[in-house]
Amino acid sequence: MPDPLRLVPRPAEQFPETTIESQPEAPERGGESLGFEKSKEAESVSTVLVPPSPAPFVLTEPVVLQKKVEHILEEDLARLYSELNQQDQAKFKILGETTAKKITTLLQQTKFKISEILALIKQWLLSITGINRYFVEQEAKIKAEKILKLRQEK
C-alpha cells in the first residue's frame, strides 16, 4: 500500500505558500562546517507534502436510479411541457424532480406498493391545469409499468 503522504520535490518558486523552509545555516565551529552544504539545485527545489489524490467521482446507485426514473417520467411529455407558460414549467419541473426522488426511495425499499408509485405519478401529472383525467390515468399506468421493469432489471 503506498504511503498516504508522500514527499514530492517541487520548485520553490512555483508554490511559495506550500513550501517547507529550508533549514537554517548551521553555526560554524572553529572554521568548520557541520556538513550542511547547500547546492544550487537544493535551494531551488523544496520538499512539499502532497495528500493523495482523491478517487474520481462516481455516481452512486441512487443517483443513477433517480436519473433513469426522471427520464421515464419525462417521456412523451415534451409537447405538453412546451405548451405551458414559464412559471408553470418551473413548477412542473420541480414537482417532477421531487416525485422522482420519492419514487427512487420507494424503489430502494425491499417492499413497496405499485399503487404508491401510481398515486405519485398521478399527483404530478394533475398539477398541470386543464389536463384530461383519462390521459393522466393512462400515462401513470404506462410510466409505473416502465419503472417497475426498471426495478426488476436491478
N, C-alpha and C. Protein backbone atom coordinates (compact mmCIF):
# COMPACT_ATOMS: atom_id res chain seq x y z
N MET A 1 0.85 -1.17 0.00
CA MET A 1 0.00 0.00 0.00
C MET A 1 0.90 1.23 0.00
N PRO A 2 0.66 2.19 -0.89
CA PRO A 2 1.51 3.37 -0.94
C PRO A 2 1.29 4.25 0.28
N ASP A 3 2.33 5.01 0.57
CA ASP A 3 2.28 5.92 1.70
C ASP A 3 1.29 7.03 1.40
N PRO A 4 0.30 7.33 2.31
CA PRO A 4 -0.70 8.34 2.00
C PRO A 4 -0.11 9.74 1.88
N LEU A 5 0.94 10.03 2.61
CA LEU A 5 1.61 11.32 2.47
C LEU A 5 2.98 11.06 1.89
N ARG A 6 3.16 11.42 0.67
CA ARG A 6 4.43 11.15 0.04
C ARG A 6 5.17 12.46 -0.19
N LEU A 7 6.47 12.39 -0.20
CA LEU A 7 7.28 13.57 -0.41
C LEU A 7 7.55 13.71 -1.89
N VAL A 8 7.19 14.85 -2.42
CA VAL A 8 7.36 15.11 -3.84
C VAL A 8 8.17 16.39 -3.98
N PRO A 9 9.29 16.36 -4.70
CA PRO A 9 10.04 17.60 -4.88
C PRO A 9 9.30 18.55 -5.81
N ARG A 10 9.21 19.81 -5.40
CA ARG A 10 8.55 20.85 -6.19
C ARG A 10 9.45 22.09 -6.21
N PRO A 11 9.45 22.82 -7.30
CA PRO A 11 10.22 24.07 -7.33
C PRO A 11 9.65 25.07 -6.33
N ALA A 12 10.53 25.75 -5.60
CA ALA A 12 10.11 26.69 -4.56
C ALA A 12 9.39 27.89 -5.15
N GLU A 13 9.74 28.31 -6.35
CA GLU A 13 9.12 29.49 -6.93
C GLU A 13 7.68 29.22 -7.31
N GLN A 14 7.35 27.98 -7.64
CA GLN A 14 6.02 27.66 -8.13
C GLN A 14 4.97 27.69 -7.01
N PHE A 15 5.29 27.21 -5.83
CA PHE A 15 4.35 27.14 -4.72
C PHE A 15 4.97 27.77 -3.48
N PRO A 16 5.06 29.07 -3.41
CA PRO A 16 5.74 29.67 -2.27
C PRO A 16 4.99 29.47 -0.96
N GLU A 17 3.64 29.40 -0.96
CA GLU A 17 2.92 29.28 0.29
C GLU A 17 2.91 27.84 0.83
N THR A 18 3.24 26.87 0.02
CA THR A 18 3.19 25.49 0.47
C THR A 18 4.56 24.87 0.69
N THR A 19 5.60 25.62 0.45
CA THR A 19 6.93 25.03 0.58
C THR A 19 7.37 25.02 2.03
N ILE A 20 8.18 24.08 2.36
CA ILE A 20 8.75 23.99 3.69
C ILE A 20 10.09 24.71 3.63
N GLU A 21 10.28 25.58 4.58
CA GLU A 21 11.51 26.37 4.56
C GLU A 21 12.71 25.47 4.78
N SER A 22 13.77 25.83 4.12
CA SER A 22 15.00 25.05 4.28
C SER A 22 15.57 25.30 5.66
N GLN A 23 16.40 24.40 6.12
CA GLN A 23 16.97 24.51 7.46
C GLN A 23 17.89 25.71 7.53
N PRO A 24 17.94 26.35 8.71
CA PRO A 24 18.84 27.48 8.85
C PRO A 24 20.29 27.03 8.76
N GLU A 25 21.09 27.94 8.41
CA GLU A 25 22.52 27.64 8.28
C GLU A 25 23.06 27.19 9.63
N ALA A 26 23.86 26.16 9.62
CA ALA A 26 24.45 25.65 10.85
C ALA A 26 25.58 26.58 11.28
N PRO A 27 25.67 26.83 12.58
CA PRO A 27 26.77 27.67 13.04
C PRO A 27 28.09 26.93 12.86
N GLU A 28 29.07 27.67 12.52
CA GLU A 28 30.37 27.05 12.28
C GLU A 28 31.12 26.94 13.59
N ARG A 29 31.85 25.85 13.73
CA ARG A 29 32.68 25.63 14.90
C ARG A 29 34.12 25.62 14.45
N GLY A 30 34.84 26.52 14.94
CA GLY A 30 36.27 26.55 14.67
C GLY A 30 36.58 26.58 13.20
N GLY A 31 35.76 27.25 12.40
CA GLY A 31 36.04 27.38 11.00
C GLY A 31 35.57 26.21 10.17
N GLU A 32 34.99 25.17 10.82
CA GLU A 32 34.50 24.01 10.09
C GLU A 32 32.98 24.06 10.02
N SER A 33 32.48 23.55 8.94
CA SER A 33 31.02 23.42 8.88
C SER A 33 30.66 22.02 9.33
N LEU A 34 29.41 21.83 9.70
CA LEU A 34 28.98 20.52 10.19
C LEU A 34 28.55 19.60 9.05
N GLY A 35 28.79 19.99 7.85
CA GLY A 35 28.44 19.12 6.73
C GLY A 35 27.13 19.49 6.09
N PHE A 36 26.53 20.61 6.50
CA PHE A 36 25.30 21.07 5.88
C PHE A 36 25.68 21.98 4.73
N GLU A 37 25.76 21.42 3.57
CA GLU A 37 26.11 22.23 2.41
C GLU A 37 24.89 22.32 1.51
N LYS A 38 24.69 23.49 0.98
CA LYS A 38 23.56 23.68 0.07
C LYS A 38 24.09 23.79 -1.34
N SER A 39 23.48 23.04 -2.20
CA SER A 39 23.83 23.18 -3.60
C SER A 39 22.77 24.08 -4.25
N LYS A 40 23.04 24.58 -5.42
CA LYS A 40 22.07 25.43 -6.12
C LYS A 40 20.81 24.65 -6.43
N GLU A 41 20.94 23.36 -6.71
CA GLU A 41 19.77 22.53 -7.01
C GLU A 41 18.90 22.37 -5.78
N ALA A 42 19.52 22.18 -4.61
CA ALA A 42 18.77 22.01 -3.38
C ALA A 42 18.05 23.29 -3.00
N GLU A 43 18.59 24.45 -3.33
CA GLU A 43 17.93 25.70 -3.00
C GLU A 43 16.69 25.93 -3.85
N SER A 44 16.72 25.49 -5.09
CA SER A 44 15.58 25.75 -5.97
C SER A 44 14.47 24.73 -5.80
N VAL A 45 14.74 23.60 -5.19
CA VAL A 45 13.72 22.58 -5.01
C VAL A 45 13.51 22.35 -3.53
N SER A 46 12.27 22.48 -3.08
CA SER A 46 11.92 22.21 -1.70
C SER A 46 11.00 21.00 -1.67
N THR A 47 10.89 20.36 -0.54
CA THR A 47 10.04 19.19 -0.40
C THR A 47 8.67 19.64 0.10
N VAL A 48 7.63 19.16 -0.54
CA VAL A 48 6.26 19.52 -0.20
C VAL A 48 5.48 18.25 0.08
N LEU A 49 4.67 18.28 1.13
CA LEU A 49 3.79 17.15 1.42
C LEU A 49 2.55 17.29 0.56
N VAL A 50 2.27 16.28 -0.23
CA VAL A 50 1.12 16.29 -1.12
C VAL A 50 0.18 15.18 -0.69
N PRO A 51 -1.08 15.53 -0.35
CA PRO A 51 -2.01 14.46 0.02
C PRO A 51 -2.34 13.61 -1.19
N PRO A 52 -2.74 12.37 -0.96
CA PRO A 52 -3.07 11.51 -2.11
C PRO A 52 -4.25 12.09 -2.87
N SER A 53 -4.24 11.89 -4.17
CA SER A 53 -5.33 12.43 -4.98
C SER A 53 -6.60 11.65 -4.69
N PRO A 54 -7.74 12.35 -4.64
CA PRO A 54 -9.00 11.66 -4.35
C PRO A 54 -9.40 10.77 -5.52
N ALA A 55 -10.20 9.78 -5.20
CA ALA A 55 -10.69 8.88 -6.23
C ALA A 55 -11.61 9.67 -7.16
N PRO A 56 -11.70 9.29 -8.41
CA PRO A 56 -12.59 10.01 -9.32
C PRO A 56 -14.04 9.88 -8.86
N PHE A 57 -14.82 10.93 -9.12
CA PHE A 57 -16.21 10.95 -8.69
C PHE A 57 -17.01 9.94 -9.49
N VAL A 58 -17.69 9.06 -8.79
CA VAL A 58 -18.50 8.04 -9.43
C VAL A 58 -19.93 8.22 -8.93
N LEU A 59 -20.87 8.21 -9.84
CA LEU A 59 -22.27 8.33 -9.44
C LEU A 59 -22.68 7.11 -8.65
N THR A 60 -23.37 7.34 -7.56
CA THR A 60 -23.82 6.23 -6.74
C THR A 60 -25.09 5.64 -7.32
N GLU A 61 -25.45 4.50 -6.86
CA GLU A 61 -26.62 3.78 -7.36
C GLU A 61 -27.91 4.60 -7.27
N PRO A 62 -28.23 5.25 -6.12
CA PRO A 62 -29.48 6.01 -6.07
C PRO A 62 -29.55 7.16 -7.07
N VAL A 63 -28.43 7.82 -7.32
CA VAL A 63 -28.42 8.94 -8.26
C VAL A 63 -28.68 8.44 -9.67
N VAL A 64 -28.06 7.34 -10.04
CA VAL A 64 -28.27 6.77 -11.37
C VAL A 64 -29.72 6.32 -11.51
N LEU A 65 -30.24 5.69 -10.48
CA LEU A 65 -31.63 5.23 -10.49
C LEU A 65 -32.59 6.41 -10.62
N GLN A 66 -32.31 7.49 -9.91
CA GLN A 66 -33.16 8.66 -9.97
C GLN A 66 -33.15 9.27 -11.36
N LYS A 67 -31.98 9.32 -12.00
CA LYS A 67 -31.90 9.84 -13.37
C LYS A 67 -32.72 9.00 -14.33
N LYS A 68 -32.69 7.68 -14.15
CA LYS A 68 -33.49 6.80 -15.01
C LYS A 68 -34.98 7.02 -14.79
N VAL A 69 -35.38 7.20 -13.52
CA VAL A 69 -36.79 7.45 -13.20
C VAL A 69 -37.23 8.78 -13.81
N GLU A 70 -36.38 9.81 -13.69
CA GLU A 70 -36.70 11.11 -14.28
C GLU A 70 -36.87 10.99 -15.80
N HIS A 71 -36.02 10.19 -16.42
CA HIS A 71 -36.12 10.00 -17.87
C HIS A 71 -37.44 9.33 -18.24
N ILE A 72 -37.84 8.33 -17.47
CA ILE A 72 -39.11 7.65 -17.73
C ILE A 72 -40.28 8.62 -17.54
N LEU A 73 -40.21 9.44 -16.50
CA LEU A 73 -41.31 10.36 -16.23
C LEU A 73 -41.46 11.43 -17.32
N GLU A 74 -40.36 11.84 -17.91
CA GLU A 74 -40.43 12.91 -18.90
C GLU A 74 -40.74 12.42 -20.32
N GLU A 75 -40.75 11.11 -20.52
CA GLU A 75 -41.04 10.57 -21.86
C GLU A 75 -42.43 10.99 -22.32
N ASP A 76 -42.55 11.34 -23.58
CA ASP A 76 -43.82 11.67 -24.23
C ASP A 76 -44.52 12.91 -23.65
N LEU A 77 -43.80 13.73 -22.90
CA LEU A 77 -44.43 14.92 -22.34
C LEU A 77 -43.81 16.21 -22.87
N ALA A 78 -42.96 16.12 -23.86
CA ALA A 78 -42.26 17.31 -24.38
C ALA A 78 -43.24 18.32 -24.97
N ARG A 79 -44.19 17.85 -25.74
CA ARG A 79 -45.16 18.76 -26.37
C ARG A 79 -46.02 19.43 -25.30
N LEU A 80 -46.48 18.65 -24.34
CA LEU A 80 -47.31 19.17 -23.26
C LEU A 80 -46.53 20.20 -22.43
N TYR A 81 -45.26 19.89 -22.16
CA TYR A 81 -44.41 20.78 -21.37
C TYR A 81 -44.15 22.10 -22.11
N SER A 82 -43.95 22.02 -23.41
CA SER A 82 -43.65 23.23 -24.19
C SER A 82 -44.86 24.17 -24.27
N GLU A 83 -46.07 23.64 -24.11
CA GLU A 83 -47.28 24.46 -24.18
C GLU A 83 -47.53 25.24 -22.89
N LEU A 84 -46.84 24.86 -21.80
CA LEU A 84 -47.03 25.56 -20.53
C LEU A 84 -46.28 26.90 -20.54
N ASN A 85 -46.77 27.85 -19.72
CA ASN A 85 -46.02 29.10 -19.59
C ASN A 85 -44.80 28.85 -18.69
N GLN A 86 -43.92 29.84 -18.61
CA GLN A 86 -42.64 29.64 -17.92
C GLN A 86 -42.83 29.32 -16.44
N GLN A 87 -43.74 29.98 -15.78
CA GLN A 87 -43.96 29.76 -14.36
C GLN A 87 -44.47 28.33 -14.11
N ASP A 88 -45.41 27.89 -14.92
CA ASP A 88 -45.94 26.54 -14.77
C ASP A 88 -44.88 25.48 -15.13
N GLN A 89 -44.03 25.81 -16.11
CA GLN A 89 -42.95 24.89 -16.45
C GLN A 89 -42.00 24.68 -15.27
N ALA A 90 -41.64 25.77 -14.59
CA ALA A 90 -40.74 25.67 -13.44
C ALA A 90 -41.38 24.86 -12.32
N LYS A 91 -42.67 25.13 -12.06
CA LYS A 91 -43.39 24.40 -11.01
C LYS A 91 -43.49 22.91 -11.36
N PHE A 92 -43.81 22.62 -12.61
CA PHE A 92 -43.94 21.24 -13.07
C PHE A 92 -42.60 20.50 -12.99
N LYS A 93 -41.52 21.18 -13.32
CA LYS A 93 -40.19 20.58 -13.28
C LYS A 93 -39.79 20.26 -11.84
N ILE A 94 -40.02 21.18 -10.93
CA ILE A 94 -39.68 20.95 -9.51
C ILE A 94 -40.50 19.81 -8.94
N LEU A 95 -41.80 19.79 -9.25
CA LEU A 95 -42.65 18.69 -8.78
C LEU A 95 -42.20 17.36 -9.37
N GLY A 96 -41.77 17.37 -10.63
CA GLY A 96 -41.28 16.15 -11.26
C GLY A 96 -40.01 15.62 -10.59
N GLU A 97 -39.11 16.53 -10.22
CA GLU A 97 -37.88 16.11 -9.55
C GLU A 97 -38.17 15.54 -8.17
N THR A 98 -39.07 16.17 -7.43
CA THR A 98 -39.40 15.64 -6.10
C THR A 98 -40.14 14.31 -6.22
N THR A 99 -40.98 14.19 -7.24
CA THR A 99 -41.67 12.91 -7.47
C THR A 99 -40.66 11.82 -7.80
N ALA A 100 -39.67 12.13 -8.62
CA ALA A 100 -38.64 11.15 -8.96
C ALA A 100 -37.85 10.74 -7.72
N LYS A 101 -37.57 11.68 -6.83
CA LYS A 101 -36.84 11.35 -5.59
C LYS A 101 -37.67 10.41 -4.72
N LYS A 102 -38.98 10.71 -4.60
CA LYS A 102 -39.85 9.86 -3.79
C LYS A 102 -39.96 8.46 -4.38
N ILE A 103 -40.09 8.38 -5.70
CA ILE A 103 -40.18 7.07 -6.36
C ILE A 103 -38.88 6.30 -6.18
N THR A 104 -37.75 7.00 -6.25
CA THR A 104 -36.46 6.34 -6.07
C THR A 104 -36.34 5.77 -4.67
N THR A 105 -36.78 6.51 -3.67
CA THR A 105 -36.73 5.98 -2.30
C THR A 105 -37.65 4.78 -2.15
N LEU A 106 -38.80 4.80 -2.82
CA LEU A 106 -39.70 3.63 -2.77
C LEU A 106 -39.05 2.42 -3.43
N LEU A 107 -38.37 2.64 -4.56
CA LEU A 107 -37.75 1.53 -5.27
C LEU A 107 -36.59 0.91 -4.49
N GLN A 108 -35.98 1.67 -3.63
CA GLN A 108 -34.86 1.15 -2.85
C GLN A 108 -35.31 0.30 -1.67
N GLN A 109 -36.58 0.41 -1.32
CA GLN A 109 -37.10 -0.41 -0.24
C GLN A 109 -37.28 -1.85 -0.71
N THR A 110 -37.26 -2.77 0.23
CA THR A 110 -37.43 -4.17 -0.16
C THR A 110 -38.87 -4.45 -0.60
N LYS A 111 -39.83 -3.82 0.05
CA LYS A 111 -41.23 -3.99 -0.32
C LYS A 111 -41.84 -2.62 -0.57
N PHE A 112 -42.61 -2.54 -1.63
CA PHE A 112 -43.35 -1.31 -1.92
C PHE A 112 -44.59 -1.67 -2.70
N LYS A 113 -45.52 -0.74 -2.73
CA LYS A 113 -46.77 -0.96 -3.45
C LYS A 113 -46.75 -0.14 -4.73
N ILE A 114 -47.14 -0.76 -5.81
CA ILE A 114 -47.19 -0.07 -7.10
C ILE A 114 -48.23 1.04 -7.06
N SER A 115 -49.23 0.88 -6.20
CA SER A 115 -50.26 1.93 -6.08
C SER A 115 -49.68 3.23 -5.54
N GLU A 116 -48.64 3.14 -4.72
CA GLU A 116 -47.99 4.36 -4.21
C GLU A 116 -47.29 5.10 -5.36
N ILE A 117 -46.64 4.35 -6.23
CA ILE A 117 -45.97 4.96 -7.38
C ILE A 117 -47.01 5.57 -8.32
N LEU A 118 -48.09 4.85 -8.56
CA LEU A 118 -49.18 5.37 -9.40
C LEU A 118 -49.74 6.67 -8.84
N ALA A 119 -49.95 6.70 -7.52
CA ALA A 119 -50.50 7.90 -6.89
C ALA A 119 -49.55 9.09 -7.04
N LEU A 120 -48.25 8.84 -6.89
CA LEU A 120 -47.27 9.92 -7.04
C LEU A 120 -47.25 10.47 -8.47
N ILE A 121 -47.30 9.57 -9.44
CA ILE A 121 -47.28 10.00 -10.85
C ILE A 121 -48.55 10.76 -11.19
N LYS A 122 -49.70 10.26 -10.73
CA LYS A 122 -50.97 10.94 -10.99
C LYS A 122 -50.97 12.34 -10.38
N GLN A 123 -50.52 12.43 -9.15
CA GLN A 123 -50.48 13.72 -8.47
C GLN A 123 -49.60 14.70 -9.24
N TRP A 124 -48.48 14.22 -9.74
CA TRP A 124 -47.57 15.07 -10.51
C TRP A 124 -48.21 15.52 -11.82
N LEU A 125 -48.85 14.60 -12.54
CA LEU A 125 -49.46 14.95 -13.82
C LEU A 125 -50.69 15.85 -13.65
N LEU A 126 -51.41 15.68 -12.55
CA LEU A 126 -52.60 16.51 -12.33
C LEU A 126 -52.24 17.93 -11.93
N SER A 127 -50.96 18.19 -11.68
CA SER A 127 -50.55 19.57 -11.36
C SER A 127 -50.66 20.47 -12.58
N ILE A 128 -50.79 19.87 -13.76
CA ILE A 128 -51.00 20.64 -14.99
C ILE A 128 -52.48 20.97 -15.08
N THR A 129 -52.77 22.24 -15.22
CA THR A 129 -54.18 22.64 -15.30
C THR A 129 -54.76 22.28 -16.67
N GLY A 130 -56.00 21.82 -16.65
CA GLY A 130 -56.72 21.54 -17.89
C GLY A 130 -56.31 20.26 -18.58
N ILE A 131 -55.76 19.31 -17.86
CA ILE A 131 -55.34 18.05 -18.47
C ILE A 131 -56.46 17.02 -18.30
N ASN A 132 -56.62 16.17 -19.27
CA ASN A 132 -57.65 15.13 -19.28
C ASN A 132 -57.32 14.05 -18.25
N ARG A 133 -58.28 13.71 -17.41
CA ARG A 133 -58.06 12.70 -16.36
C ARG A 133 -57.78 11.32 -16.94
N TYR A 134 -58.40 11.00 -18.06
CA TYR A 134 -58.16 9.70 -18.68
C TYR A 134 -56.73 9.60 -19.21
N PHE A 135 -56.25 10.72 -19.73
CA PHE A 135 -54.85 10.77 -20.18
C PHE A 135 -53.91 10.55 -18.99
N VAL A 136 -54.24 11.19 -17.87
CA VAL A 136 -53.41 11.06 -16.66
C VAL A 136 -53.38 9.61 -16.20
N GLU A 137 -54.55 8.97 -16.16
CA GLU A 137 -54.63 7.56 -15.75
C GLU A 137 -53.77 6.67 -16.65
N GLN A 138 -53.92 6.85 -17.94
CA GLN A 138 -53.19 6.02 -18.90
C GLN A 138 -51.69 6.25 -18.81
N GLU A 139 -51.28 7.50 -18.78
CA GLU A 139 -49.84 7.82 -18.69
C GLU A 139 -49.24 7.31 -17.39
N ALA A 140 -49.98 7.44 -16.29
CA ALA A 140 -49.47 6.97 -14.99
C ALA A 140 -49.26 5.46 -15.01
N LYS A 141 -50.19 4.74 -15.62
CA LYS A 141 -50.04 3.28 -15.69
C LYS A 141 -48.85 2.89 -16.54
N ILE A 142 -48.69 3.55 -17.68
CA ILE A 142 -47.56 3.24 -18.57
C ILE A 142 -46.23 3.51 -17.88
N LYS A 143 -46.15 4.67 -17.25
CA LYS A 143 -44.90 5.06 -16.59
C LYS A 143 -44.61 4.16 -15.38
N ALA A 144 -45.64 3.78 -14.64
CA ALA A 144 -45.45 2.90 -13.50
C ALA A 144 -44.95 1.52 -13.94
N GLU A 145 -45.46 1.02 -15.06
CA GLU A 145 -45.00 -0.27 -15.58
C GLU A 145 -43.53 -0.20 -15.99
N LYS A 146 -43.14 0.90 -16.63
CA LYS A 146 -41.74 1.06 -17.03
C LYS A 146 -40.82 1.16 -15.81
N ILE A 147 -41.30 1.86 -14.79
CA ILE A 147 -40.50 1.97 -13.55
C ILE A 147 -40.39 0.62 -12.87
N LEU A 148 -41.47 -0.15 -12.89
CA LEU A 148 -41.43 -1.49 -12.30
C LEU A 148 -40.45 -2.38 -13.05
N LYS A 149 -40.40 -2.28 -14.37
CA LYS A 149 -39.42 -3.04 -15.16
C LYS A 149 -37.99 -2.61 -14.80
N LEU A 150 -37.83 -1.31 -14.55
CA LEU A 150 -36.53 -0.79 -14.15
C LEU A 150 -36.09 -1.42 -12.84
N ARG A 151 -37.01 -1.58 -11.93
CA ARG A 151 -36.72 -2.20 -10.64
C ARG A 151 -36.36 -3.68 -10.82
N GLN A 152 -37.06 -4.37 -11.73
CA GLN A 152 -36.81 -5.80 -11.92
C GLN A 152 -35.47 -6.03 -12.60
N GLU A 153 -35.01 -5.07 -13.42
CA GLU A 153 -33.69 -5.19 -14.07
C GLU A 153 -32.58 -5.14 -13.06
N LYS A 154 -32.81 -4.41 -11.99
CA LYS A 154 -31.81 -4.24 -10.95
C LYS A 154 -31.58 -5.52 -10.25
